[in-house]
Structures are given as structure tokens and as C-alpha cells.
N, C-alpha and C. Protein backbone atom coordinates (compact mmCIF):
# COMPACT_ATOMS: atom_id res chain seq x y z
N MET A 1 100.00 114.70 163.12
CA MET A 1 100.63 115.01 161.85
C MET A 1 101.96 114.27 161.76
N GLY A 2 102.59 114.34 160.64
CA GLY A 2 103.86 113.67 160.44
C GLY A 2 105.03 114.52 160.88
N SER A 3 106.18 114.04 160.55
CA SER A 3 107.39 114.80 160.89
C SER A 3 107.51 116.01 159.98
N PRO A 4 108.15 117.07 160.45
CA PRO A 4 108.29 118.26 159.62
C PRO A 4 109.18 117.98 158.41
N VAL A 5 108.89 118.67 157.35
CA VAL A 5 109.66 118.52 156.12
C VAL A 5 110.95 119.32 156.24
N HIS A 6 112.06 118.69 155.90
CA HIS A 6 113.34 119.38 155.92
C HIS A 6 113.70 119.71 154.48
N ARG A 7 113.88 120.96 154.19
CA ARG A 7 114.23 121.38 152.84
C ARG A 7 115.74 121.37 152.68
N VAL A 8 116.18 120.78 151.60
CA VAL A 8 117.61 120.70 151.31
C VAL A 8 117.94 121.80 150.31
N SER A 9 118.95 122.54 150.60
CA SER A 9 119.43 123.58 149.71
C SER A 9 120.83 123.24 149.27
N LEU A 10 121.11 123.46 147.98
CA LEU A 10 122.46 123.20 147.48
C LEU A 10 123.46 124.17 148.08
N GLY A 11 122.97 125.23 148.70
CA GLY A 11 123.86 126.18 149.34
C GLY A 11 124.32 125.72 150.71
N ASP A 12 123.65 124.70 151.28
CA ASP A 12 124.06 124.18 152.58
C ASP A 12 125.43 123.53 152.47
N THR A 13 126.29 123.81 153.43
CA THR A 13 127.64 123.24 153.37
C THR A 13 127.61 121.73 153.53
N TRP A 14 126.70 121.21 154.35
CA TRP A 14 126.66 119.76 154.56
C TRP A 14 126.17 119.03 153.32
N SER A 15 125.38 119.69 152.45
CA SER A 15 124.86 119.01 151.27
C SER A 15 125.94 118.84 150.20
N ARG A 16 127.04 119.59 150.31
CA ARG A 16 128.13 119.46 149.34
C ARG A 16 129.11 118.37 149.73
N GLN A 17 129.02 117.90 150.96
CA GLN A 17 129.93 116.85 151.42
C GLN A 17 129.45 115.51 150.88
N MET A 18 130.40 114.68 150.51
CA MET A 18 130.07 113.39 149.93
C MET A 18 130.67 112.29 150.79
N HIS A 19 129.94 111.21 150.89
CA HIS A 19 130.45 110.06 151.65
C HIS A 19 131.73 109.58 150.97
N PRO A 20 132.77 109.23 151.73
CA PRO A 20 134.05 108.81 151.13
C PRO A 20 133.91 107.63 150.17
N ASP A 21 133.02 106.68 150.46
CA ASP A 21 132.82 105.55 149.54
C ASP A 21 132.27 106.01 148.21
N MET A 22 131.32 106.95 148.25
CA MET A 22 130.74 107.47 147.01
C MET A 22 131.80 108.22 146.21
N GLU A 23 132.61 109.01 146.91
CA GLU A 23 133.63 109.79 146.23
C GLU A 23 134.66 108.89 145.55
N SER A 24 135.09 107.83 146.23
CA SER A 24 136.08 106.93 145.63
C SER A 24 135.48 106.18 144.45
N GLU A 25 134.21 105.79 144.52
CA GLU A 25 133.57 105.11 143.39
C GLU A 25 133.41 106.03 142.19
N ARG A 26 133.18 107.30 142.44
CA ARG A 26 133.01 108.25 141.36
C ARG A 26 134.27 108.37 140.50
N TYR A 27 135.44 108.22 141.13
CA TYR A 27 136.70 108.34 140.40
C TYR A 27 137.19 107.01 139.84
N MET A 28 136.45 105.92 140.05
CA MET A 28 136.87 104.61 139.55
C MET A 28 135.94 104.12 138.44
N GLN A 29 135.55 104.98 137.51
CA GLN A 29 134.65 104.56 136.45
C GLN A 29 135.33 103.52 135.57
N SER A 30 134.54 102.61 135.03
CA SER A 30 135.08 101.52 134.22
C SER A 30 134.99 101.82 132.73
N PHE A 31 134.77 103.07 132.38
CA PHE A 31 134.64 103.45 130.98
C PHE A 31 135.27 104.81 130.77
N ASP A 32 135.55 105.13 129.52
CA ASP A 32 136.13 106.42 129.18
C ASP A 32 135.00 107.45 129.08
N VAL A 33 135.00 108.41 129.98
CA VAL A 33 133.93 109.40 130.05
C VAL A 33 133.88 110.23 128.77
N GLU A 34 135.02 110.63 128.26
CA GLU A 34 135.06 111.45 127.04
C GLU A 34 134.49 110.67 125.85
N ARG A 35 134.80 109.40 125.77
CA ARG A 35 134.28 108.57 124.67
C ARG A 35 132.75 108.46 124.76
N LEU A 36 132.22 108.26 125.96
CA LEU A 36 130.77 108.20 126.14
C LEU A 36 130.12 109.53 125.78
N THR A 37 130.75 110.63 126.16
CA THR A 37 130.24 111.96 125.81
C THR A 37 130.18 112.12 124.30
N ASN A 38 131.23 111.69 123.61
CA ASN A 38 131.24 111.77 122.14
C ASN A 38 130.14 110.92 121.53
N ILE A 39 129.91 109.74 122.08
CA ILE A 39 128.85 108.87 121.56
C ILE A 39 127.49 109.53 121.75
N LEU A 40 127.24 110.07 122.94
CA LEU A 40 125.95 110.70 123.22
C LEU A 40 125.73 111.96 122.38
N ASP A 41 126.81 112.68 122.07
CA ASP A 41 126.70 113.89 121.26
C ASP A 41 126.67 113.59 119.76
N GLY A 42 126.96 112.36 119.38
CA GLY A 42 126.95 112.02 117.96
C GLY A 42 128.30 112.23 117.29
N GLY A 43 129.36 112.26 118.05
CA GLY A 43 130.70 112.39 117.50
C GLY A 43 131.51 113.46 118.20
N ALA A 44 132.83 113.38 118.02
CA ALA A 44 133.74 114.32 118.68
C ALA A 44 133.53 115.75 118.18
N GLN A 45 133.22 115.90 116.89
CA GLN A 45 132.99 117.24 116.35
C GLN A 45 131.76 117.88 116.98
N ASN A 46 130.71 117.09 117.18
CA ASN A 46 129.50 117.62 117.81
C ASN A 46 129.75 117.98 119.27
N THR A 47 130.59 117.20 119.96
CA THR A 47 130.94 117.51 121.34
C THR A 47 131.68 118.84 121.40
N ALA A 48 132.63 119.03 120.50
CA ALA A 48 133.39 120.29 120.46
C ALA A 48 132.47 121.47 120.16
N LEU A 49 131.55 121.28 119.21
CA LEU A 49 130.61 122.35 118.87
C LEU A 49 129.70 122.67 120.05
N ARG A 50 129.18 121.64 120.73
CA ARG A 50 128.30 121.85 121.88
C ARG A 50 129.03 122.62 122.97
N ARG A 51 130.27 122.22 123.24
CA ARG A 51 131.05 122.90 124.28
C ARG A 51 131.33 124.36 123.92
N LYS A 52 131.58 124.62 122.64
CA LYS A 52 131.83 125.99 122.19
C LYS A 52 130.58 126.84 122.36
N VAL A 53 129.43 126.30 121.97
CA VAL A 53 128.16 127.03 122.11
C VAL A 53 127.86 127.28 123.59
N GLU A 54 128.08 126.27 124.43
CA GLU A 54 127.86 126.44 125.87
C GLU A 54 128.75 127.54 126.44
N SER A 55 130.01 127.57 126.02
CA SER A 55 130.92 128.59 126.56
C SER A 55 130.50 129.99 126.12
N ILE A 56 129.99 130.11 124.89
CA ILE A 56 129.51 131.41 124.42
C ILE A 56 128.29 131.84 125.23
N ILE A 57 127.36 130.91 125.43
CA ILE A 57 126.15 131.23 126.18
C ILE A 57 126.48 131.62 127.61
N HIS A 58 127.39 130.89 128.25
CA HIS A 58 127.74 131.18 129.64
C HIS A 58 128.52 132.48 129.78
N SER A 59 129.11 132.98 128.70
CA SER A 59 129.89 134.21 128.78
C SER A 59 129.01 135.46 128.72
N TYR A 60 127.76 135.34 128.28
CA TYR A 60 126.87 136.48 128.18
C TYR A 60 126.01 136.58 129.44
N PRO A 61 126.01 137.72 130.12
CA PRO A 61 125.18 137.85 131.32
C PRO A 61 123.69 137.80 131.02
N GLU A 62 123.29 138.09 129.78
CA GLU A 62 121.87 138.04 129.42
C GLU A 62 121.30 136.63 129.56
N PHE A 63 122.15 135.61 129.44
CA PHE A 63 121.68 134.23 129.51
C PHE A 63 121.76 133.65 130.91
N SER A 64 122.20 134.43 131.87
CA SER A 64 122.31 133.96 133.24
C SER A 64 120.92 133.82 133.85
N ARG A 65 120.71 132.71 134.55
CA ARG A 65 119.44 132.51 135.26
C ARG A 65 119.69 132.51 136.77
N LYS A 66 120.74 133.18 137.16
CA LYS A 66 121.19 133.19 138.56
C LYS A 66 120.09 133.68 139.50
N ASP A 67 119.42 134.75 139.16
CA ASP A 67 118.42 135.35 140.04
C ASP A 67 116.99 134.96 139.66
N ASN A 68 116.83 133.92 138.87
CA ASN A 68 115.52 133.55 138.35
C ASN A 68 114.50 133.31 139.46
N TYR A 69 114.91 132.68 140.55
CA TYR A 69 113.97 132.37 141.63
C TYR A 69 113.54 133.61 142.41
N PHE A 70 114.29 134.68 142.29
CA PHE A 70 113.99 135.88 143.05
C PHE A 70 113.28 136.94 142.22
N MET A 71 112.99 136.63 140.96
CA MET A 71 112.34 137.59 140.07
C MET A 71 110.82 137.44 140.14
N THR A 72 110.15 138.54 139.86
CA THR A 72 108.70 138.48 139.71
C THR A 72 108.39 137.88 138.35
N GLN A 73 107.13 137.59 138.12
CA GLN A 73 106.75 137.01 136.83
C GLN A 73 107.08 137.97 135.69
N ASN A 74 106.84 139.26 135.89
CA ASN A 74 107.14 140.25 134.85
C ASN A 74 108.64 140.33 134.58
N GLU A 75 109.45 140.27 135.63
CA GLU A 75 110.90 140.31 135.45
C GLU A 75 111.40 139.07 134.71
N ARG A 76 110.83 137.90 135.02
CA ARG A 76 111.22 136.68 134.29
C ARG A 76 110.84 136.77 132.82
N TYR A 77 109.67 137.35 132.55
CA TYR A 77 109.23 137.52 131.16
C TYR A 77 110.18 138.45 130.41
N LYS A 78 110.53 139.57 131.02
CA LYS A 78 111.46 140.51 130.38
C LYS A 78 112.82 139.87 130.15
N ALA A 79 113.29 139.09 131.11
CA ALA A 79 114.58 138.40 130.95
C ALA A 79 114.50 137.39 129.81
N ALA A 80 113.38 136.69 129.69
CA ALA A 80 113.21 135.73 128.60
C ALA A 80 113.19 136.44 127.25
N MET A 81 112.57 137.60 127.19
CA MET A 81 112.54 138.36 125.94
C MET A 81 113.95 138.85 125.57
N ARG A 82 114.73 139.26 126.59
CA ARG A 82 116.11 139.67 126.32
C ARG A 82 116.92 138.50 125.76
N ARG A 83 116.73 137.31 126.35
CA ARG A 83 117.45 136.13 125.86
C ARG A 83 117.04 135.81 124.42
N ALA A 84 115.74 135.87 124.14
CA ALA A 84 115.26 135.59 122.79
C ALA A 84 115.82 136.60 121.79
N PHE A 85 115.91 137.85 122.19
CA PHE A 85 116.46 138.89 121.32
C PHE A 85 117.93 138.61 121.03
N HIS A 86 118.70 138.23 122.04
CA HIS A 86 120.13 137.98 121.86
C HIS A 86 120.39 136.71 121.06
N ILE A 87 119.49 135.74 121.13
CA ILE A 87 119.65 134.52 120.33
C ILE A 87 119.50 134.85 118.85
N ARG A 88 118.61 135.77 118.52
CA ARG A 88 118.36 136.11 117.12
C ARG A 88 119.46 136.98 116.52
N LEU A 89 120.29 137.59 117.36
CA LEU A 89 121.38 138.44 116.84
C LEU A 89 122.43 137.64 116.21
């Protein structure tokens, strides 16, 4: 058989570490990130609106998917129904 599969978890401390070269390149972008975001969103007003909607959604615990992987199928269904109900309010 082949070598065993190693599963990577974002919770692992080593997976959060970044190579110094990668980290320095990440901070040396050759373009304005905010300007690109505005272009992709279709304008600065749309970016502001998207960010406002995201902040509202993240502030409600009903929209949290934190425990999604640990829920049964029935629990995920009930959580989805709660989210759908709160969206319609």
C-alpha cells in the first residue's frame, strides 16, 4: 500500500505558521486591495453594502455554522430552517 494519508486541520498550530518568504510577499502587493475589492463588488457603495450585510449576518448566532460538522442531519436541517426563517424576517 502507499503512505498513510495525513489530514491537515486548520486547528493545528503548525498549519497557521507561514514561511517568511510567503509572509513578506503577501504584504508587498503591487495593487490597491481596496480598489480591487470595489471593482469586484461593482463599486464602493456595493462594497459598503456587502460589508454591512456581512456584519449583520455575523452578529446573529442563528447564522453561525460553527458546529455544522458536529451536527446530525436532522440538526443541520433544523438549523437551516431557523436561518431561512430569520432571513424572511
